[in-house]
Amino acid sequence: SQVRGLCGTYNGNQQDEFTTPAGDVETSVTAFADAYRVSPDCAALAPNPLDPCDAFAERREDAEAACAVLLSPAFQ
């Protein structure tokens, strides 16, 4: 229960994964992500963000390679 942030709480309770810096639990991904904006110069997310696989199809292979590292035995 000492981890909190964009990567979740890592405490086995999926109900509190979207805990904001203020301690609130958001129900939408966009509201959760917007809670972590550190500068008002950063644009707020749209209510329905684009699917990254659709928006950046040319980077899919790179993304799958990066995710493979997280799915490797080192992180099990």
PDB file of N, CA and C in Angstrom:
ATOM      1  N   SER A   1       0.815  -1.213   0.000  1.00  0.00           N
ATOM      2  CA  SER A   1       0.000   0.000   0.000  1.00  0.00           C
ATOM      3  C   SER A   1       0.848   1.263   0.000  1.00  0.00           C
ATOM      4  N   GLN A   2       2.092   1.170  -0.475  1.00  0.00           N
ATOM      5  CA  GLN A   2       2.942   2.360  -0.496  1.00  0.00           C
ATOM      6  C   GLN A   2       3.146   2.901  -1.904  1.00  0.00           C
ATOM      7  N   VAL A   3       2.543   2.238  -2.891  1.00  0.00           N
ATOM      8  CA  VAL A   3       2.682   2.676  -4.273  1.00  0.00           C
ATOM      9  C   VAL A   3       1.394   3.355  -4.701  1.00  0.00           C
ATOM     10  N   ARG A   4       1.518   4.488  -5.381  1.00  0.00           N
ATOM     11  CA  ARG A   4       0.341   5.169  -5.922  1.00  0.00           C
ATOM     12  C   ARG A   4       0.798   6.054  -7.066  1.00  0.00           C
ATOM     13  N   GLY A   5       0.014   6.103  -8.112  1.00  0.00           N
ATOM     14  CA  GLY A   5       0.354   6.939  -9.249  1.00  0.00           C
ATOM     15  C   GLY A   5      -0.272   6.414 -10.513  1.00  0.00           C
ATOM     16  N   LEU A   6       0.290   6.809 -11.641  1.00  0.00           N
ATOM     17  CA  LEU A   6      -0.269   6.408 -12.920  1.00  0.00           C
ATOM     18  C   LEU A   6      -0.191   4.899 -13.133  1.00  0.00           C
ATOM     19  N   CYS A   7       0.654   4.221 -12.413  1.00  0.00           N
ATOM     20  CA  CYS A   7       0.767   2.764 -12.550  1.00  0.00           C
ATOM     21  C   CYS A   7      -0.146   2.024 -11.580  1.00  0.00           C
ATOM     22  N   GLY A   8      -0.949   2.711 -10.824  1.00  0.00           N
ATOM     23  CA  GLY A   8      -1.880   2.074  -9.895  1.00  0.00           C
ATOM     24  C   GLY A   8      -1.329   1.997  -8.485  1.00  0.00           C
ATOM     25  N   THR A   9      -2.022   1.235  -7.647  1.00  0.00           N
ATOM     26  CA  THR A   9      -1.647   1.146  -6.236  1.00  0.00           C
ATOM     27  C   THR A   9      -0.887  -0.126  -5.896  1.00  0.00           C
ATOM     28  N   TYR A  10      -1.004  -1.139  -6.743  1.00  0.00           N
ATOM     29  CA  TYR A  10      -0.291  -2.409  -6.568  1.00  0.00           C
ATOM     30  C   TYR A  10      -0.527  -3.002  -5.177  1.00  0.00           C
ATOM     31  N   ASN A  11      -1.797  -2.989  -4.749  1.00  0.00           N
ATOM     32  CA  ASN A  11      -2.122  -3.562  -3.446  1.00  0.00           C
ATOM     33  C   ASN A  11      -3.123  -4.712  -3.557  1.00  0.00           C
ATOM     34  N   GLY A  12      -3.407  -5.150  -4.793  1.00  0.00           N
ATOM     35  CA  GLY A  12      -4.337  -6.256  -4.991  1.00  0.00           C
ATOM     36  C   GLY A  12      -5.794  -5.843  -5.048  1.00  0.00           C
ATOM     37  N   ASN A  13      -6.089  -4.581  -4.793  1.00  0.00           N
ATOM     38  CA  ASN A  13      -7.459  -4.085  -4.819  1.00  0.00           C
ATOM     39  C   ASN A  13      -7.661  -3.278  -6.092  1.00  0.00           C
ATOM     40  N   GLN A  14      -8.343  -3.865  -7.069  1.00  0.00           N
ATOM     41  CA  GLN A  14      -8.535  -3.179  -8.337  1.00  0.00           C
ATOM     42  C   GLN A  14      -9.493  -2.003  -8.234  1.00  0.00           C
ATOM     43  N   GLN A  15     -10.219  -1.877  -7.146  1.00  0.00           N
ATOM     44  CA  GLN A  15     -11.182  -0.794  -6.988  1.00  0.00           C
ATOM     45  C   GLN A  15     -10.514   0.556  -6.722  1.00  0.00           C
ATOM     46  N   ASP A  16      -9.246   0.552  -6.330  1.00  0.00           N
ATOM     47  CA  ASP A  16      -8.583   1.830  -6.026  1.00  0.00           C
ATOM     48  C   ASP A  16      -7.414   2.139  -6.958  1.00  0.00           C
ATOM     49  N   GLU A  17      -7.372   1.504  -8.119  1.00  0.00           N
ATOM     50  CA  GLU A  17      -6.265   1.715  -9.056  1.00  0.00           C
ATOM     51  C   GLU A  17      -6.201   3.141  -9.569  1.00  0.00           C
ATOM     52  N   PHE A  18      -7.333   3.828  -9.679  1.00  0.00           N
ATOM     53  CA  PHE A  18      -7.352   5.184 -10.206  1.00  0.00           C
ATOM     54  C   PHE A  18      -7.363   6.213  -9.080  1.00  0.00           C
ATOM     55  N   THR A  19      -6.543   6.015  -8.059  1.00  0.00           N
ATOM     56  CA  THR A  19      -6.447   6.961  -6.957  1.00  0.00           C
ATOM     57  C   THR A  19      -5.605   8.163  -7.387  1.00  0.00           C
ATOM     58  N   THR A  20      -6.155   9.348  -7.219  1.00  0.00           N
ATOM     59  CA  THR A  20      -5.488  10.586  -7.645  1.00  0.00           C
ATOM     60  C   THR A  20      -4.500  11.050  -6.585  1.00  0.00           C
ATOM     61  N   PRO A  21      -3.667  12.038  -6.902  1.00  0.00           N
ATOM     62  CA  PRO A  21      -2.755  12.583  -5.895  1.00  0.00           C
ATOM     63  C   PRO A  21      -3.496  13.132  -4.670  1.00  0.00           C
ATOM     64  N   ALA A  22      -4.749  13.563  -4.858  1.00  0.00           N
ATOM     65  CA  ALA A  22      -5.536  14.096  -3.741  1.00  0.00           C
ATOM     66  C   ALA A  22      -6.183  12.983  -2.913  1.00  0.00           C
ATOM     67  N   GLY A  23      -6.047  11.734  -3.378  1.00  0.00           N
ATOM     68  CA  GLY A  23      -6.619  10.610  -2.626  1.00  0.00           C
ATOM     69  C   GLY A  23      -8.009  10.208  -3.084  1.00  0.00           C
ATOM     70  N   ASP A  24      -8.551  10.891  -4.089  1.00  0.00           N
ATOM     71  CA  ASP A  24      -9.857  10.524  -4.634  1.00  0.00           C
ATOM     72  C   ASP A  24      -9.692   9.349  -5.582  1.00  0.00           C
ATOM     73  N   VAL A  25     -10.745   8.555  -5.738  1.00  0.00           N
ATOM     74  CA  VAL A  25     -10.719   7.460  -6.699  1.00  0.00           C
ATOM     75  C   VAL A  25     -11.601   7.852  -7.874  1.00  0.00           C
ATOM     76  N   GLU A  26     -10.992   7.996  -9.036  1.00  0.00           N
ATOM     77  CA  GLU A  26     -11.724   8.367 -10.245  1.00  0.00           C
ATOM     78  C   GLU A  26     -12.288   7.116 -10.911  1.00  0.00           C
ATOM     79  N   THR A  27     -13.358   7.305 -11.656  1.00  0.00           N
ATOM     80  CA  THR A  27     -13.950   6.181 -12.371  1.00  0.00           C
ATOM     81  C   THR A  27     -13.629   6.220 -13.857  1.00  0.00           C
ATOM     82  N   SER A  28     -13.151   7.352 -14.364  1.00  0.00           N
ATOM     83  CA  SER A  28     -12.814   7.422 -15.784  1.00  0.00           C
ATOM     84  C   SER A  28     -11.304   7.584 -15.952  1.00  0.00           C
ATOM     85  N   VAL A  29     -10.809   7.001 -17.018  1.00  0.00           N
ATOM     86  CA  VAL A  29      -9.378   7.065 -17.315  1.00  0.00           C
ATOM     87  C   VAL A  29      -8.941   8.507 -17.551  1.00  0.00           C
ATOM     88  N   THR A  30      -9.744   9.272 -18.281  1.00  0.00           N
ATOM     89  CA  THR A  30      -9.342  10.641 -18.594  1.00  0.00           C
ATOM     90  C   THR A  30      -9.295  11.520 -17.351  1.00  0.00           C
ATOM     91  N   ALA A  31     -10.264  11.395 -16.469  1.00  0.00           N
ATOM     92  CA  ALA A  31     -10.254  12.195 -15.233  1.00  0.00           C
ATOM     93  C   ALA A  31      -9.057  11.808 -14.364  1.00  0.00           C
ATOM     94  N   PHE A  32      -8.746  10.523 -14.325  1.00  0.00           N
ATOM     95  CA  PHE A  32      -7.594  10.047 -13.554  1.00  0.00           C
ATOM     96  C   PHE A  32      -6.295  10.621 -14.127  1.00  0.00           C
ATOM     97  N   ALA A  33      -6.112  10.503 -15.432  1.00  0.00           N
ATOM     98  CA  ALA A  33      -4.888  11.001 -16.058  1.00  0.00           C
ATOM     99  C   ALA A  33      -4.774  12.517 -15.912  1.00  0.00           C
ATOM    100  N   ASP A  34      -5.882  13.224 -16.068  1.00  0.00           N
ATOM    101  CA  ASP A  34      -5.857  14.685 -15.928  1.00  0.00           C
ATOM    102  C   ASP A  34      -5.478  15.115 -14.514  1.00  0.00           C
ATOM    103  N   ALA A  35      -5.763  14.293 -13.526  1.00  0.00           N
ATOM    104  CA  ALA A  35      -5.420  14.625 -12.141  1.00  0.00           C
ATOM    105  C   ALA A  35      -3.907  14.673 -11.939  1.00  0.00           C
ATOM    106  N   TYR A  36      -3.157  14.040 -12.838  1.00  0.00           N
ATOM    107  CA  TYR A  36      -1.700  14.013 -12.720  1.00  0.00           C
ATOM    108  C   TYR A  36      -1.004  15.057 -13.596  1.00  0.00           C
ATOM    109  N   ARG A  37      -1.763  15.924 -14.270  1.00  0.00           N
ATOM    110  CA  ARG A  37      -1.126  16.988 -15.045  1.00  0.00           C
ATOM    111  C   ARG A  37      -0.404  17.919 -14.088  1.00  0.00           C
ATOM    112  N   VAL A  38       0.841  18.210 -14.369  1.00  0.00           N
ATOM    113  CA  VAL A  38       1.625  19.059 -13.461  1.00  0.00           C
ATOM    114  C   VAL A  38       1.684  20.506 -13.918  1.00  0.00           C
ATOM    115  N   SER A  39       1.268  20.755 -15.141  1.00  0.00           N
ATOM    116  CA  SER A  39       1.323  22.109 -15.654  1.00  0.00           C
ATOM    117  C   SER A  39       0.021  22.438 -16.371  1.00  0.00           C
ATOM    118  N   PRO A  40      -0.514  23.617 -16.129  1.00  0.00           N
ATOM    119  CA  PRO A  40      -1.730  24.009 -16.857  1.00  0.00           C
ATOM    120  C   PRO A  40      -1.466  24.168 -18.359  1.00  0.00           C
ATOM    121  N   ASP A  41      -0.187  24.232 -18.743  1.00  0.00           N
ATOM    122  CA  ASP A  41       0.158  24.316 -20.160  1.00  0.00           C
ATOM    123  C   ASP A  41      -0.092  22.996 -20.880  1.00  0.00           C
ATOM    124  N   CYS A  42      -0.152  21.900 -20.128  1.00  0.00           N
ATOM    125  CA  CYS A  42      -0.448  20.597 -20.729  1.00  0.00           C
ATOM    126  C   CYS A  42      -1.947  20.526 -21.000  1.00  0.00           C
ATOM    127  N   ALA A  43      -2.292  20.153 -22.202  1.00  0.00           N
ATOM    128  CA  ALA A  43      -3.705  20.086 -22.572  1.00  0.00           C
ATOM    129  C   ALA A  43      -4.401  18.948 -21.831  1.00  0.00           C
ATOM    130  N   ALA A  44      -5.641  19.203 -21.440  1.00  0.00           N
ATOM    131  CA  ALA A  44      -6.439  18.153 -20.812  1.00  0.00           C
ATOM    132  C   ALA A  44      -6.813  17.121 -21.869  1.00  0.00           C
ATOM    133  N   LEU A  45      -7.017  15.904 -21.434  1.00  0.00           N
ATOM    134  CA  LEU A  45      -7.405  14.847 -22.357  1.00  0.00           C
ATOM    135  C   LEU A  45      -8.847  15.034 -22.808  1.00  0.00           C
ATOM    136  N   ALA A  46      -9.122  14.578 -23.984  1.00  0.00           N
ATOM    137  CA  ALA A  46     -10.498  14.589 -24.487  1.00  0.00           C
ATOM    138  C   ALA A  46     -11.295  13.548 -23.706  1.00  0.00           C
ATOM    139  N   PRO A  47     -12.618  13.701 -23.613  1.00  0.00           N
ATOM    140  CA  PRO A  47     -13.432  12.731 -22.855  1.00  0.00           C
ATOM    141  C   PRO A  47     -13.256  11.293 -23.334  1.00  0.00           C
ATOM    142  N   ASN A  48     -13.060  11.116 -24.621  1.00  0.00           N
ATOM    143  CA  ASN A  48     -12.843   9.779 -25.176  1.00  0.00           C
ATOM    144  C   ASN A  48     -11.541   9.791 -25.960  1.00  0.00           C
ATOM    145  N   PRO A  49     -10.426   9.532 -25.284  1.00  0.00           N
ATOM    146  CA  PRO A  49      -9.133   9.602 -25.976  1.00  0.00           C
ATOM    147  C   PRO A  49      -9.050   8.562 -27.087  1.00  0.00           C
ATOM    148  N   LEU A  50      -8.236   8.849 -28.068  1.00  0.00           N
ATOM    149  CA  LEU A  50      -8.026   7.911 -29.159  1.00  0.00           C
ATOM    150  C   LEU A  50      -7.381   6.636 -28.643  1.00  0.00           C
ATOM    151  N   ASP A  51      -7.730   5.539 -29.264  1.00  0.00           N
ATOM    152  CA  ASP A  51      -7.070   4.278 -28.944  1.00  0.00           C
ATOM    153  C   ASP A  51      -5.640   4.373 -29.471  1.00  0.00           C
ATOM    154  N   PRO A  52      -4.635   4.166 -28.631  1.00  0.00           N
ATOM    155  CA  PRO A  52      -3.255   4.342 -29.081  1.00  0.00           C
ATOM    156  C   PRO A  52      -2.883   3.413 -30.225  1.00  0.00           C
ATOM    157  N   CYS A  53      -3.493   2.240 -30.296  1.00  0.00           N
ATOM    158  CA  CYS A  53      -3.181   1.326 -31.398  1.00  0.00           C
ATOM    159  C   CYS A  53      -3.697   1.868 -32.719  1.00  0.00           C
ATOM    160  N   ASP A  54      -4.804   2.597 -32.675  1.00  0.00           N
ATOM    161  CA  ASP A  54      -5.338   3.215 -33.889  1.00  0.00           C
ATOM    162  C   ASP A  54      -4.588   4.502 -34.222  1.00  0.00           C
ATOM    163  N   ALA A  55      -4.292   5.296 -33.213  1.00  0.00           N
ATOM    164  CA  ALA A  55      -3.673   6.598 -33.426  1.00  0.00           C
ATOM    165  C   ALA A  55      -2.211   6.492 -33.862  1.00  0.00           C
ATOM    166  N   PHE A  56      -1.527   5.445 -33.419  1.00  0.00           N
ATOM    167  CA  PHE A  56      -0.101   5.300 -33.708  1.00  0.00           C
ATOM    168  C   PHE A  56       0.204   3.903 -34.238  1.00  0.00           C
ATOM    169  N   ALA A  57      -0.524   3.486 -35.252  1.00  0.00           N
ATOM    170  CA  ALA A  57      -0.381   2.131 -35.797  1.00  0.00           C
ATOM    171  C   ALA A  57       1.056   1.836 -36.223  1.00  0.00           C
ATOM    172  N   GLU A  58       1.763   2.853 -36.688  1.00  0.00           N
ATOM    173  CA  GLU A  58       3.140   2.637 -37.143  1.00  0.00           C
ATOM    174  C   GLU A  58       4.103   2.323 -35.993  1.00  0.00           C
ATOM    175  N   ARG A  59       3.678   2.564 -34.744  1.00  0.00           N
ATOM    176  CA  ARG A  59       4.544   2.301 -33.582  1.00  0.00           C
ATOM    177  C   ARG A  59       4.168   1.014 -32.845  1.00  0.00           C
ATOM    178  N   ARG A  60       3.222   0.257 -33.393  1.00  0.00           N
ATOM    179  CA  ARG A  60       2.731  -0.945 -32.720  1.00  0.00           C
ATOM    180  C   ARG A  60       3.864  -1.930 -32.409  1.00  0.00           C
ATOM    181  N   GLU A  61       4.734  -2.167 -33.376  1.00  0.00           N
ATOM    182  CA  GLU A  61       5.833  -3.112 -33.171  1.00  0.00           C
ATOM    183  C   GLU A  61       6.740  -2.659 -32.026  1.00  0.00           C
ATOM    184  N   ASP A  62       7.039  -1.369 -31.959  1.00  0.00           N
ATOM    185  CA  ASP A  62       7.864  -0.832 -30.868  1.00  0.00           C
ATOM    186  C   ASP A  62       7.155  -1.009 -29.522  1.00  0.00           C
ATOM    187  N   ALA A  63       5.856  -0.750 -29.503  1.00  0.00           N
ATOM    188  CA  ALA A  63       5.082  -0.874 -28.262  1.00  0.00           C
ATOM    189  C   ALA A  63       5.040  -2.321 -27.793  1.00  0.00           C
ATOM    190  N   GLU A  64       4.851  -3.243 -28.709  1.00  0.00           N
ATOM    191  CA  GLU A  64       4.813  -4.656 -28.326  1.00  0.00           C
ATOM    192  C   GLU A  64       6.159  -5.113 -27.783  1.00  0.00           C
ATOM    193  N   ALA A  65       7.255  -4.606 -28.348  1.00  0.00           N
ATOM    194  CA  ALA A  65       8.580  -4.950 -27.850  1.00  0.00           C
ATOM    195  C   ALA A  65       8.792  -4.402 -26.440  1.00  0.00           C
ATOM    196  N   ALA A  66       8.337  -3.163 -26.210  1.00  0.00           N
ATOM    197  CA  ALA A  66       8.470  -2.559 -24.876  1.00  0.00           C
ATOM    198  C   ALA A  66       7.623  -3.315 -23.853  1.00  0.00           C
ATOM    199  N   CYS A  67       6.408  -3.695 -24.229  1.00  0.00           N
ATOM    200  CA  CYS A  67       5.540  -4.432 -23.314  1.00  0.00           C
ATOM    201  C   CYS A  67       6.093  -5.828 -23.020  1.00  0.00           C
ATOM    202  N   ALA A  68       6.776  -6.407 -23.993  1.00  0.00           N
ATOM    203  CA  ALA A  68       7.347  -7.741 -23.780  1.00  0.00           C
ATOM    204  C   ALA A  68       8.324  -7.731 -22.605  1.00  0.00           C
ATOM    205  N   VAL A  69       9.009  -6.621 -22.412  1.00  0.00           N
ATOM    206  CA  VAL A  69       9.936  -6.501 -21.276  1.00  0.00           C
ATOM    207  C   VAL A  69       9.151  -6.606 -19.972  1.00  0.00           C
ATOM    208  N   LEU A  70       7.998  -5.925 -19.888  1.00  0.00           N
ATOM    209  CA  LEU A  70       7.192  -5.958 -18.672  1.00  0.00           C
ATOM    210  C   LEU A  70       6.554  -7.322 -18.431  1.00  0.00           C
ATOM    211  N   LEU A  71       6.368  -8.082 -19.495  1.00  0.00           N
ATOM    212  CA  LEU A  71       5.779  -9.409 -19.365  1.00  0.00           C
ATOM    213  C   LEU A  71       6.831 -10.497 -19.191  1.00  0.00           C
ATOM    214  N   SER A  72       8.098 -10.121 -19.150  1.00  0.00           N
ATOM    215  CA  SER A  72       9.185 -11.086 -19.024  1.00  0.00           C
ATOM    216  C   SER A  72       9.274 -11.635 -17.605  1.00  0.00           C
ATOM    217  N   PRO A  73       9.991 -12.727 -17.421  1.00  0.00           N
ATOM    218  CA  PRO A  73      10.137 -13.330 -16.094  1.00  0.00           C
ATOM    219  C   PRO A  73      10.683 -12.379 -15.026  1.00  0.00           C
ATOM    220  N   ALA A  74      11.449 -11.381 -15.430  1.00  0.00           N
ATOM    221  CA  ALA A  74      12.018 -10.441 -14.456  1.00  0.00           C
ATOM    222  C   ALA A  74      10.935  -9.698 -13.676  1.00  0.00           C
ATOM    223  N   PHE A  75       9.744  -9.558 -14.253  1.00  0.00           N
ATOM    224  CA  PHE A  75       8.678  -8.801 -13.613  1.00  0.00           C
ATOM    225  C   PHE A  75       7.553  -9.690 -13.081  1.00  0.00           C
ATOM    226  N   GLN A  76       7.772 -10.990 -13.039  1.00  0.00           N
ATOM    227  CA  GLN A  76       6.725 -11.886 -12.551  1.00  0.00           C
ATOM    228  C   GLN A  76       6.776 -12.057 -11.053  1.00  0.00           C
TER     229      GLN A  76
END
